[in-house]
Protein backbone atom coordinates (compact mmCIF):
# COMPACT_ATOMS: atom_id res chain seq x y z
CA UNK A 1 32.57 30.41 -29.99
CA UNK A 2 34.53 27.15 -30.02
CA UNK A 3 31.64 24.88 -29.02
CA UNK A 4 33.41 23.60 -25.90
CA UNK A 5 31.47 25.49 -23.21
CA UNK A 6 28.94 24.16 -20.71
CA UNK A 7 26.12 24.77 -23.15
CA UNK A 8 27.68 22.61 -25.84
CA UNK A 9 28.44 19.84 -23.34
CA UNK A 10 24.80 19.83 -22.22
CA UNK A 11 23.65 19.75 -25.84
CA UNK A 12 25.87 16.75 -26.54
CA UNK A 13 24.54 14.98 -23.46
CA UNK A 14 20.96 15.66 -24.51
CA UNK A 15 21.71 14.38 -28.01
CA UNK A 16 23.27 11.17 -26.70
CA UNK A 17 20.67 10.52 -23.99
CA UNK A 18 18.08 8.80 -26.24
CA UNK A 19 20.75 6.55 -27.74
CA UNK A 20 22.12 5.54 -24.34
CA UNK A 21 18.59 5.04 -23.02
CA UNK A 22 17.69 2.70 -25.88
CA UNK A 23 20.89 0.70 -25.49
CA UNK A 24 20.37 0.43 -21.73
CA UNK A 25 16.76 -0.68 -22.14
CA UNK A 26 17.87 -3.25 -24.72
CA UNK A 27 20.29 -4.78 -22.21
CA UNK A 28 17.57 -4.89 -19.56
CA UNK A 29 15.19 -6.61 -21.97
CA UNK A 30 17.85 -9.23 -22.77
CA UNK A 31 18.20 -9.87 -19.03
CA UNK A 32 14.42 -10.02 -18.67
CA UNK A 33 14.08 -12.51 -21.53
CA UNK A 34 16.93 -14.86 -20.63
CA UNK A 35 17.24 -14.60 -16.85
CA UNK A 36 13.88 -13.64 -15.33
CA UNK A 37 11.36 -15.92 -17.02
CA UNK A 38 8.62 -17.94 -15.34
CA UNK A 39 9.02 -20.53 -18.11
CA UNK A 40 11.82 -21.92 -20.27
CA UNK A 41 12.53 -21.15 -23.92
CA UNK A 42 14.56 -23.69 -25.88
CA UNK A 43 15.06 -25.48 -29.18
CA UNK A 44 14.47 -29.02 -30.31
CA UNK A 45 16.29 -30.82 -33.11
CA UNK A 46 15.79 -34.39 -34.23
CA UNK A 47 19.43 -35.30 -33.70
CA UNK A 48 20.14 -33.15 -30.65
CA UNK A 49 16.92 -33.36 -28.68
CA UNK A 50 15.79 -30.53 -26.42
CA UNK A 51 18.12 -27.77 -25.25
CA UNK A 52 17.11 -24.89 -22.97
CA UNK A 53 18.26 -21.45 -24.08
CA UNK A 54 17.10 -19.48 -21.07
CA UNK A 55 17.92 -19.77 -17.39
CA UNK A 56 15.83 -22.07 -15.25
CA UNK A 57 12.30 -20.74 -14.65
CA UNK A 58 11.84 -18.55 -11.61
CA UNK A 59 9.06 -19.05 -9.14
CA UNK A 60 6.10 -16.74 -9.88
CA UNK A 61 6.98 -14.49 -6.93
CA UNK A 62 10.57 -14.04 -8.09
CA UNK A 63 9.48 -13.60 -11.70
CA UNK A 64 7.16 -10.74 -10.83
CA UNK A 65 9.70 -9.18 -8.48
CA UNK A 66 12.42 -9.43 -11.12
CA UNK A 67 10.08 -7.91 -13.68
CA UNK A 68 9.47 -4.93 -11.39
CA UNK A 69 13.21 -4.34 -11.07
CA UNK A 70 14.14 -4.87 -14.72
CA UNK A 71 11.12 -3.20 -16.31
CA UNK A 72 10.53 -0.32 -13.89
CA UNK A 73 13.14 0.27 -11.21
CA UNK A 74 16.31 0.17 -13.29
CA UNK A 75 14.82 1.94 -16.35
CA UNK A 76 13.64 4.80 -14.11
CA UNK A 77 17.09 5.12 -12.54
CA UNK A 78 18.72 5.05 -15.97
CA UNK A 79 16.34 7.69 -17.31
CA UNK A 80 17.01 9.94 -14.32
CA UNK A 81 20.77 9.53 -14.68
CA UNK A 82 20.47 10.62 -18.32
CA UNK A 83 18.63 13.80 -17.40
CA UNK A 84 15.05 12.69 -18.00
CA UNK A 85 12.71 14.09 -15.34
CA UNK A 86 10.43 11.56 -13.71
CA UNK A 87 7.52 14.01 -13.72
CA UNK A 88 7.72 14.03 -17.53
CA UNK A 89 7.41 10.24 -17.87
CA UNK A 90 3.63 9.98 -17.54
CA UNK A 91 3.80 8.79 -13.93
CA UNK A 92 1.11 11.17 -12.71
CA UNK A 93 -2.64 10.90 -13.21
CA UNK A 94 -2.71 13.22 -16.22
CA UNK A 95 -6.14 14.25 -17.48
CA UNK A 96 -8.44 12.37 -15.12
CA UNK A 97 -11.58 12.96 -17.16
CA UNK A 98 -9.98 11.48 -20.25
CA UNK A 99 -8.59 8.67 -18.12
CA UNK A 100 -12.07 7.75 -16.88
CA UNK A 101 -13.33 7.74 -20.46
CA UNK A 102 -10.53 5.36 -21.45
CA UNK A 103 -11.31 3.05 -18.53
CA UNK A 104 -15.06 3.07 -19.13
CA UNK A 105 -14.71 2.32 -22.83
CA UNK A 106 -11.69 0.04 -22.56
CA UNK A 107 -12.61 -2.21 -19.62
CA UNK A 108 -15.34 -4.18 -21.45
CA UNK A 109 -13.05 -4.56 -24.46
CA UNK A 110 -10.21 -5.81 -22.24
CA UNK A 111 -12.48 -8.43 -20.65
CA UNK A 112 -13.76 -9.47 -24.07
CA UNK A 113 -10.17 -9.74 -25.28
CA UNK A 114 -9.37 -11.99 -22.33
CA UNK A 115 -12.30 -14.24 -23.15
CA UNK A 116 -11.39 -14.49 -26.84
CA UNK A 117 -7.75 -15.19 -25.96
CA UNK A 118 -8.78 -17.97 -23.57
CA UNK A 119 -10.18 -19.91 -26.52
CA UNK A 120 -6.77 -20.07 -28.21
CA UNK A 121 -4.71 -23.24 -27.53
CA UNK A 122 -1.38 -21.42 -27.90
CA UNK A 123 -2.31 -18.86 -25.27
CA UNK A 124 -3.62 -21.58 -22.98
CA UNK A 125 -0.20 -23.25 -23.24
CA UNK A 126 1.48 -20.10 -21.88
CA UNK A 127 -0.98 -18.67 -19.37
CA UNK A 128 -1.41 -18.35 -16.48
CA UNK A 129 2.30 -17.74 -15.95
CA UNK A 130 1.87 -19.35 -12.54
CA UNK A 131 1.08 -22.90 -13.63
CA UNK A 132 -0.20 -23.73 -10.14
CA UNK A 133 -2.82 -20.97 -10.17
CA UNK A 134 -6.45 -21.96 -9.57
CA UNK A 135 -9.72 -20.04 -9.61
CA UNK A 136 -9.95 -20.23 -5.81
CA UNK A 137 -10.77 -16.61 -4.87
CA UNK A 138 -7.99 -16.03 -2.33
CA UNK A 139 -5.33 -17.61 -4.55
CA UNK A 140 -6.56 -15.87 -7.69
CA UNK A 141 -6.81 -12.43 -6.08
CA UNK A 142 -3.30 -12.74 -4.63
CA UNK A 143 -1.97 -13.55 -8.09
CA UNK A 144 -3.96 -10.66 -9.59
CA UNK A 145 -2.24 -8.31 -7.13
CA UNK A 146 1.17 -9.57 -8.23
CA UNK A 147 0.18 -9.18 -11.85
CA UNK A 148 -0.81 -5.57 -11.19
CA UNK A 149 2.82 -5.01 -10.19
CA UNK A 150 3.96 -6.78 -13.36
CA UNK A 151 1.75 -4.86 -15.77
CA UNK A 152 2.47 -1.60 -13.98
CA UNK A 153 6.19 -2.22 -14.44
CA UNK A 154 5.64 -3.08 -18.11
CA UNK A 155 3.87 0.24 -18.68
CA UNK A 156 6.52 2.18 -16.76
CA UNK A 157 9.13 0.96 -19.23
CA UNK A 158 7.33 1.04 -22.57
CA UNK A 159 4.76 3.79 -22.23
CA UNK A 160 6.60 5.75 -19.53
CA UNK A 161 10.36 5.74 -19.98
CA UNK A 162 10.32 5.09 -23.72
CA UNK A 163 7.16 6.80 -24.96
CA UNK A 164 7.03 9.88 -22.74
CA UNK A 165 10.78 9.97 -22.23
CA UNK A 166 11.65 10.00 -25.92
CA UNK A 167 8.73 12.17 -27.04
CA UNK A 168 10.49 15.45 -26.32
CA UNK A 169 13.61 14.27 -28.17
CA UNK A 170 12.21 12.50 -31.25
CA UNK A 171 8.52 13.44 -31.37
CA UNK A 172 5.34 11.61 -30.40
CA UNK A 173 5.06 9.51 -33.57
CA UNK A 174 8.55 8.06 -33.55
CA UNK A 175 8.56 7.53 -29.79
CA UNK A 176 5.28 5.59 -30.08
CA UNK A 177 6.63 3.40 -32.88
CA UNK A 178 9.88 2.85 -30.96
CA UNK A 179 8.23 1.73 -27.73
CA UNK A 180 5.82 -0.47 -29.69
CA UNK A 181 8.65 -2.13 -31.60
CA UNK A 182 10.55 -2.96 -28.41
CA UNK A 183 7.40 -4.17 -26.65
CA UNK A 184 6.74 -6.52 -29.57
CA UNK A 185 10.28 -7.89 -29.29
CA UNK A 186 9.67 -8.44 -25.56
CA UNK A 187 6.75 -10.69 -26.56
CA UNK A 188 9.02 -13.11 -28.43
CA UNK A 189 8.60 -16.52 -26.87
CA UNK A 190 4.87 -15.98 -26.37
CA UNK A 191 2.11 -17.21 -28.68
CA UNK A 192 2.51 -15.83 -32.20
CA UNK A 193 -0.98 -14.32 -32.24
CA UNK A 194 -0.21 -12.47 -28.99
CA UNK A 195 3.02 -11.14 -30.48
CA UNK A 196 1.25 -9.91 -33.62
CA UNK A 197 -1.52 -8.36 -31.49
CA UNK A 198 1.15 -6.43 -29.58
CA UNK A 199 1.76 -4.30 -32.69
CA UNK A 200 -1.64 -2.56 -32.88
CA UNK A 201 -2.03 -2.95 -29.13
CA UNK A 202 1.22 -1.14 -28.41
CA UNK A 203 0.36 1.70 -30.79
CA UNK A 204 -3.13 2.11 -29.32
CA UNK A 205 -1.90 1.97 -25.74
CA UNK A 206 0.78 4.50 -26.62
CA UNK A 207 -1.70 6.87 -28.19
CA UNK A 208 -4.08 6.55 -25.23
CA UNK A 209 -1.25 7.20 -22.78
CA UNK A 210 -0.31 10.36 -24.67
CA UNK A 211 -3.95 11.44 -24.90
CA UNK A 212 -4.51 11.05 -21.16
CA UNK A 213 -1.02 12.23 -20.16
CA UNK A 214 -0.55 9.16 -17.95
CA UNK A 215 0.52 5.53 -18.21
CA UNK A 216 -1.76 4.29 -15.44
CA UNK A 217 -5.04 4.07 -17.36
CA UNK A 218 -3.55 1.80 -20.01
CA UNK A 219 -1.74 -0.10 -17.24
CA UNK A 220 -5.11 -0.92 -15.67
CA UNK A 221 -6.52 -2.03 -19.03
CA UNK A 222 -3.45 -4.17 -19.74
CA UNK A 223 -3.76 -5.74 -16.29
CA UNK A 224 -7.50 -6.35 -16.74
CA UNK A 225 -6.83 -8.07 -20.07
CA UNK A 226 -4.22 -10.37 -18.50
CA UNK A 227 -6.27 -11.18 -15.40
CA UNK A 228 -9.39 -11.83 -17.49
CA UNK A 229 -7.42 -14.18 -19.72
CA UNK A 230 -6.25 -16.14 -16.70
CA UNK A 231 -9.75 -16.29 -15.24
CA UNK A 232 -11.42 -17.54 -18.40
CA UNK A 233 -8.71 -20.15 -18.95
CA UNK A 234 -9.09 -21.46 -15.42
CA UNK A 235 -12.88 -21.52 -15.47
CA UNK A 236 -13.49 -22.97 -18.94
């Protein structure tokens, strides 16, 4: 055997797929950070003043739409092109009984986390991402629907494409650490306590996604945390 047959070519492709996936996701995260923000990140120096480092802030609607493309649509297409099967990315409902347990236990904790976060000045400086948002029911519910798209896209990338996608190639432990590490990097530019919280949060969400076999239960908890944070900020 000279190692040049179809089998060896497929083996090489499978070996390279995780590397290409990680590089592709890294590029998408750079685009997300610098081009699709709802705010502006910059630097200030005493002699140079303020200088923006990211593109001008998008409107909330375009920010959420761009997030859906960069965090879900393109990563899914990339994963499929590399031979990852969508049905193996945690996009189904998984173990529904376990999922209901996660939601029942996690929902009160997510709301409590939103309340605690609303007391932090740094988080209040960042959220809501839509600075014009009010607690008016129609306005708030419309924003909550957009945020469901945003948090769903976030989970598709980190807990779906990266966690479930890499699990069969590198194992559950390393895939969980990998997706957590990249999700923490994606929090750069947010409040420092939020970024630090993304370390245990990412690991726990990853473990729960693996335990339930689905990304959607943690997506709902992530969304509930974000929406609760917005609500408590606006009403306090």
